[in-house]
N, C-alpha and C. Protein backbone atom coordinates (compact mmCIF):
# COMPACT_ATOMS: atom_id res chain seq x y z
N UNK A 1 -0.60 6.30 -0.38
CA UNK A 1 0.37 7.05 -1.14
C UNK A 1 1.00 6.17 -2.24
N UNK A 2 1.36 4.95 -1.89
CA UNK A 2 1.96 4.08 -2.89
C UNK A 2 1.00 3.89 -4.07
N UNK A 3 -0.25 3.72 -3.76
CA UNK A 3 -1.23 3.50 -4.82
C UNK A 3 -1.31 4.70 -5.76
N UNK A 4 -1.14 5.89 -5.22
CA UNK A 4 -1.13 7.09 -6.05
C UNK A 4 -0.04 7.06 -7.10
N UNK A 5 1.16 6.67 -6.68
CA UNK A 5 2.25 6.61 -7.65
C UNK A 5 2.05 5.49 -8.65
N UNK A 6 1.50 4.41 -8.22
CA UNK A 6 1.35 3.28 -9.13
C UNK A 6 0.18 3.44 -10.10
N UNK A 7 -0.93 4.01 -9.65
CA UNK A 7 -2.16 4.00 -10.45
C UNK A 7 -2.74 5.36 -10.81
N UNK A 8 -2.33 6.43 -10.15
CA UNK A 8 -3.00 7.71 -10.34
C UNK A 8 -2.16 8.72 -11.10
N UNK A 9 -1.17 8.25 -11.85
CA UNK A 9 -0.37 9.10 -12.71
C UNK A 9 0.41 10.17 -11.94
N UNK A 10 1.00 9.77 -10.83
CA UNK A 10 1.85 10.68 -10.06
C UNK A 10 3.30 10.61 -10.52
N UNK A 11 3.57 10.06 -11.66
CA UNK A 11 4.93 9.84 -12.12
C UNK A 11 5.57 11.06 -12.80
N UNK A 12 5.03 12.22 -12.58
CA UNK A 12 5.63 13.42 -13.16
C UNK A 12 7.03 13.61 -12.55
N UNK A 13 7.99 14.08 -13.33
CA UNK A 13 9.37 14.22 -12.85
C UNK A 13 9.50 15.04 -11.57
N UNK A 14 8.69 16.07 -11.43
CA UNK A 14 8.81 16.92 -10.23
C UNK A 14 8.35 16.20 -8.96
N UNK A 15 7.64 15.08 -9.11
CA UNK A 15 7.22 14.30 -7.94
C UNK A 15 8.26 13.27 -7.52
N UNK A 16 9.29 13.08 -8.31
CA UNK A 16 10.28 12.03 -8.02
C UNK A 16 10.95 12.24 -6.67
N UNK A 17 11.26 13.47 -6.31
CA UNK A 17 11.91 13.73 -5.02
C UNK A 17 10.98 13.33 -3.87
N UNK A 18 9.69 13.55 -4.02
CA UNK A 18 8.73 13.15 -3.00
C UNK A 18 8.63 11.63 -2.91
N UNK A 19 8.61 10.98 -4.05
CA UNK A 19 8.54 9.52 -4.08
C UNK A 19 9.76 8.91 -3.41
N UNK A 20 10.93 9.42 -3.72
CA UNK A 20 12.16 8.92 -3.12
C UNK A 20 12.17 9.15 -1.61
N UNK A 21 11.72 10.31 -1.17
CA UNK A 21 11.66 10.61 0.27
C UNK A 21 10.66 9.70 0.97
N UNK A 22 9.52 9.45 0.31
CA UNK A 22 8.51 8.55 0.87
C UNK A 22 9.09 7.15 1.05
N UNK A 23 9.73 6.64 0.01
CA UNK A 23 10.31 5.30 0.10
C UNK A 23 11.36 5.22 1.20
N UNK A 24 12.22 6.20 1.27
CA UNK A 24 13.27 6.19 2.31
C UNK A 24 12.65 6.19 3.70
N UNK A 25 11.67 7.05 3.92
CA UNK A 25 11.08 7.18 5.26
C UNK A 25 10.26 5.96 5.65
N UNK A 26 9.34 5.53 4.77
CA UNK A 26 8.40 4.47 5.14
C UNK A 26 8.95 3.05 4.96
N UNK A 27 10.00 2.88 4.16
CA UNK A 27 10.55 1.55 3.94
C UNK A 27 11.93 1.34 4.56
N UNK A 28 12.52 2.40 5.09
CA UNK A 28 13.84 2.25 5.70
C UNK A 28 13.90 2.88 7.10
N UNK A 29 13.60 4.18 7.18
CA UNK A 29 13.71 4.89 8.46
C UNK A 29 12.72 4.37 9.50
N UNK A 30 11.43 4.41 9.19
CA UNK A 30 10.43 3.96 10.17
C UNK A 30 10.57 2.50 10.56
N UNK A 31 10.80 1.57 9.63
CA UNK A 31 10.98 0.18 10.05
C UNK A 31 12.15 0.01 11.02
N UNK A 32 13.22 0.75 10.80
CA UNK A 32 14.38 0.66 11.70
C UNK A 32 14.02 1.19 13.09
N UNK A 33 13.30 2.29 13.14
CA UNK A 33 12.89 2.85 14.43
C UNK A 33 11.97 1.88 15.17
N UNK A 34 11.00 1.33 14.46
CA UNK A 34 10.07 0.39 15.09
C UNK A 34 10.81 -0.84 15.60
N UNK A 35 11.70 -1.37 14.80
CA UNK A 35 12.47 -2.55 15.22
C UNK A 35 13.30 -2.27 16.48
N UNK A 36 13.82 -1.07 16.55
CA UNK A 36 14.64 -0.71 17.71
C UNK A 36 13.79 -0.42 18.94
N UNK A 37 12.72 0.34 18.77
CA UNK A 37 11.93 0.80 19.91
C UNK A 37 10.84 -0.17 20.34
N UNK A 38 10.35 -1.00 19.42
CA UNK A 38 9.27 -1.92 19.74
C UNK A 38 9.41 -3.21 18.93
N UNK A 39 10.44 -4.00 19.22
CA UNK A 39 10.72 -5.17 18.40
C UNK A 39 9.66 -6.27 18.47
N UNK A 40 8.73 -6.17 19.40
CA UNK A 40 7.70 -7.20 19.53
C UNK A 40 6.50 -6.99 18.61
N UNK A 41 6.46 -5.87 17.91
CA UNK A 41 5.33 -5.58 17.02
C UNK A 41 5.81 -5.39 15.60
N UNK A 42 5.06 -5.92 14.65
CA UNK A 42 5.46 -5.78 13.24
C UNK A 42 5.18 -4.37 12.72
N UNK A 43 5.87 -4.03 11.70
CA UNK A 43 5.69 -2.74 11.02
C UNK A 43 5.17 -3.02 9.61
N UNK A 44 4.22 -2.22 9.16
CA UNK A 44 3.71 -2.32 7.80
C UNK A 44 3.75 -0.92 7.20
N UNK A 45 4.33 -0.74 6.01
CA UNK A 45 4.62 0.59 5.49
C UNK A 45 3.43 1.42 5.03
N UNK A 46 2.38 0.79 4.59
CA UNK A 46 1.26 1.54 4.03
C UNK A 46 0.08 0.60 3.88
N UNK A 47 -1.05 1.14 3.52
CA UNK A 47 -2.20 0.31 3.24
C UNK A 47 -3.04 1.01 2.18
N UNK A 48 -3.19 0.37 1.07
CA UNK A 48 -2.72 -0.96 0.72
C UNK A 48 -1.23 -0.95 0.38
N UNK A 49 -0.62 -2.11 0.51
CA UNK A 49 0.80 -2.25 0.19
C UNK A 49 1.14 -3.72 -0.03
N UNK A 50 2.10 -3.95 -0.91
CA UNK A 50 2.63 -5.30 -1.10
C UNK A 50 3.90 -5.49 -0.28
N UNK A 51 4.32 -4.44 0.41
CA UNK A 51 5.55 -4.38 1.18
C UNK A 51 6.78 -4.34 0.27
N UNK A 52 6.57 -4.04 -1.00
CA UNK A 52 7.62 -3.75 -1.96
C UNK A 52 7.27 -2.40 -2.55
N UNK A 53 8.10 -1.40 -2.37
CA UNK A 53 7.72 -0.03 -2.75
C UNK A 53 7.22 0.09 -4.19
N UNK A 54 5.97 0.55 -4.31
CA UNK A 54 5.38 0.93 -5.59
C UNK A 54 5.24 -0.23 -6.57
N UNK A 55 5.17 -1.44 -6.09
CA UNK A 55 4.99 -2.62 -6.94
C UNK A 55 3.76 -3.39 -6.47
N UNK A 56 2.83 -3.61 -7.35
CA UNK A 56 1.62 -4.37 -7.03
C UNK A 56 0.99 -3.91 -5.72
N UNK A 57 0.83 -2.60 -5.62
CA UNK A 57 0.39 -1.97 -4.38
C UNK A 57 -0.93 -2.51 -3.86
N UNK A 58 -1.87 -2.76 -4.72
CA UNK A 58 -3.19 -3.19 -4.29
C UNK A 58 -3.46 -4.62 -4.75
N UNK A 59 -2.45 -5.46 -4.65
CA UNK A 59 -2.53 -6.84 -5.11
C UNK A 59 -3.48 -7.66 -4.23
N UNK A 60 -4.16 -8.60 -4.85
CA UNK A 60 -5.02 -9.51 -4.08
C UNK A 60 -4.23 -10.67 -3.50
N UNK A 61 -2.97 -10.82 -3.90
CA UNK A 61 -2.18 -11.96 -3.42
C UNK A 61 -0.91 -11.56 -2.68
N UNK A 62 -0.56 -10.28 -2.65
CA UNK A 62 0.61 -9.80 -1.92
C UNK A 62 0.18 -8.73 -0.93
N UNK A 63 0.59 -8.85 0.30
CA UNK A 63 0.30 -7.80 1.28
C UNK A 63 -1.17 -7.66 1.56
N UNK A 64 -1.63 -6.43 1.60
CA UNK A 64 -3.05 -6.17 1.82
C UNK A 64 -3.58 -5.36 0.65
N UNK A 65 -4.90 -5.37 0.50
CA UNK A 65 -5.50 -4.64 -0.60
C UNK A 65 -6.78 -3.95 -0.12
N UNK A 66 -7.19 -2.96 -0.89
CA UNK A 66 -8.45 -2.27 -0.62
C UNK A 66 -9.37 -2.51 -1.81
N UNK A 67 -10.55 -2.97 -1.52
CA UNK A 67 -11.54 -3.16 -2.57
C UNK A 67 -12.44 -1.93 -2.56
N UNK A 68 -12.22 -1.04 -3.51
CA UNK A 68 -12.87 0.27 -3.52
C UNK A 68 -14.27 0.26 -4.14
N UNK A 69 -14.63 -0.79 -4.85
CA UNK A 69 -15.88 -0.75 -5.61
C UNK A 69 -17.13 -0.66 -4.75
N UNK A 70 -17.09 -1.15 -3.54
CA UNK A 70 -18.29 -1.05 -2.68
C UNK A 70 -18.49 0.40 -2.26
N UNK A 71 -17.43 1.05 -1.87
CA UNK A 71 -17.56 2.44 -1.40
C UNK A 71 -17.67 3.40 -2.58
N UNK A 72 -16.63 3.46 -3.40
CA UNK A 72 -16.59 4.44 -4.49
C UNK A 72 -17.39 4.00 -5.71
N UNK A 73 -17.47 2.70 -5.94
CA UNK A 73 -18.21 2.21 -7.09
C UNK A 73 -19.68 1.96 -6.79
N UNK A 74 -20.05 2.14 -5.53
CA UNK A 74 -21.44 1.98 -5.08
C UNK A 74 -22.02 0.60 -5.35
N UNK A 75 -21.14 -0.39 -5.32
CA UNK A 75 -21.64 -1.76 -5.44
C UNK A 75 -22.19 -2.20 -4.08
N UNK A 76 -23.03 -3.20 -4.05
CA UNK A 76 -23.58 -3.68 -2.77
C UNK A 76 -22.50 -4.40 -1.96
N UNK A 77 -22.72 -4.52 -0.67
CA UNK A 77 -21.76 -5.20 0.20
C UNK A 77 -21.50 -6.64 -0.26
N UNK A 78 -22.48 -7.24 -0.88
CA UNK A 78 -22.29 -8.61 -1.36
C UNK A 78 -21.20 -8.70 -2.43
N UNK A 79 -20.80 -7.59 -3.02
CA UNK A 79 -19.73 -7.59 -4.02
C UNK A 79 -18.41 -8.03 -3.41
N UNK A 80 -18.26 -7.89 -2.09
CA UNK A 80 -17.04 -8.37 -1.44
C UNK A 80 -16.86 -9.87 -1.66
N UNK A 81 -17.94 -10.59 -1.85
CA UNK A 81 -17.85 -12.04 -2.07
C UNK A 81 -17.16 -12.38 -3.39
N UNK A 82 -17.11 -11.44 -4.31
CA UNK A 82 -16.50 -11.67 -5.61
C UNK A 82 -15.01 -11.37 -5.63
N UNK A 83 -14.51 -10.79 -4.55
CA UNK A 83 -13.09 -10.46 -4.46
C UNK A 83 -12.33 -11.76 -4.21
N UNK A 84 -11.15 -11.83 -4.73
CA UNK A 84 -10.30 -13.02 -4.60
C UNK A 84 -10.26 -13.54 -3.17
N UNK A 85 -10.40 -14.82 -3.02
CA UNK A 85 -10.33 -15.46 -1.70
C UNK A 85 -9.32 -16.58 -1.76
N UNK A 86 -8.51 -16.67 -0.74
CA UNK A 86 -7.58 -17.80 -0.64
C UNK A 86 -8.33 -18.95 -0.01
N UNK A 87 -8.29 -20.10 -0.65
CA UNK A 87 -9.03 -21.24 -0.10
C UNK A 87 -8.14 -22.16 0.66
């Protein structure tokens, strides 16, 4: 969902209420519930996500990312080797 707002032109004014509700629920309400009910397990708001709402959602250096080119771009599996790697 975050990626949709950041990259897929979901910034139409009528979507703002949905974006605000999404941020409130996934970045405030759910983390609080998880912390209270299951403090031994981490919470992650979305995937991909940088853990900062709607900022660098599919970053190779923040949070987690999805490399779509193998599936949707029909690149070979070896294309994963070209994705950023931390050494």
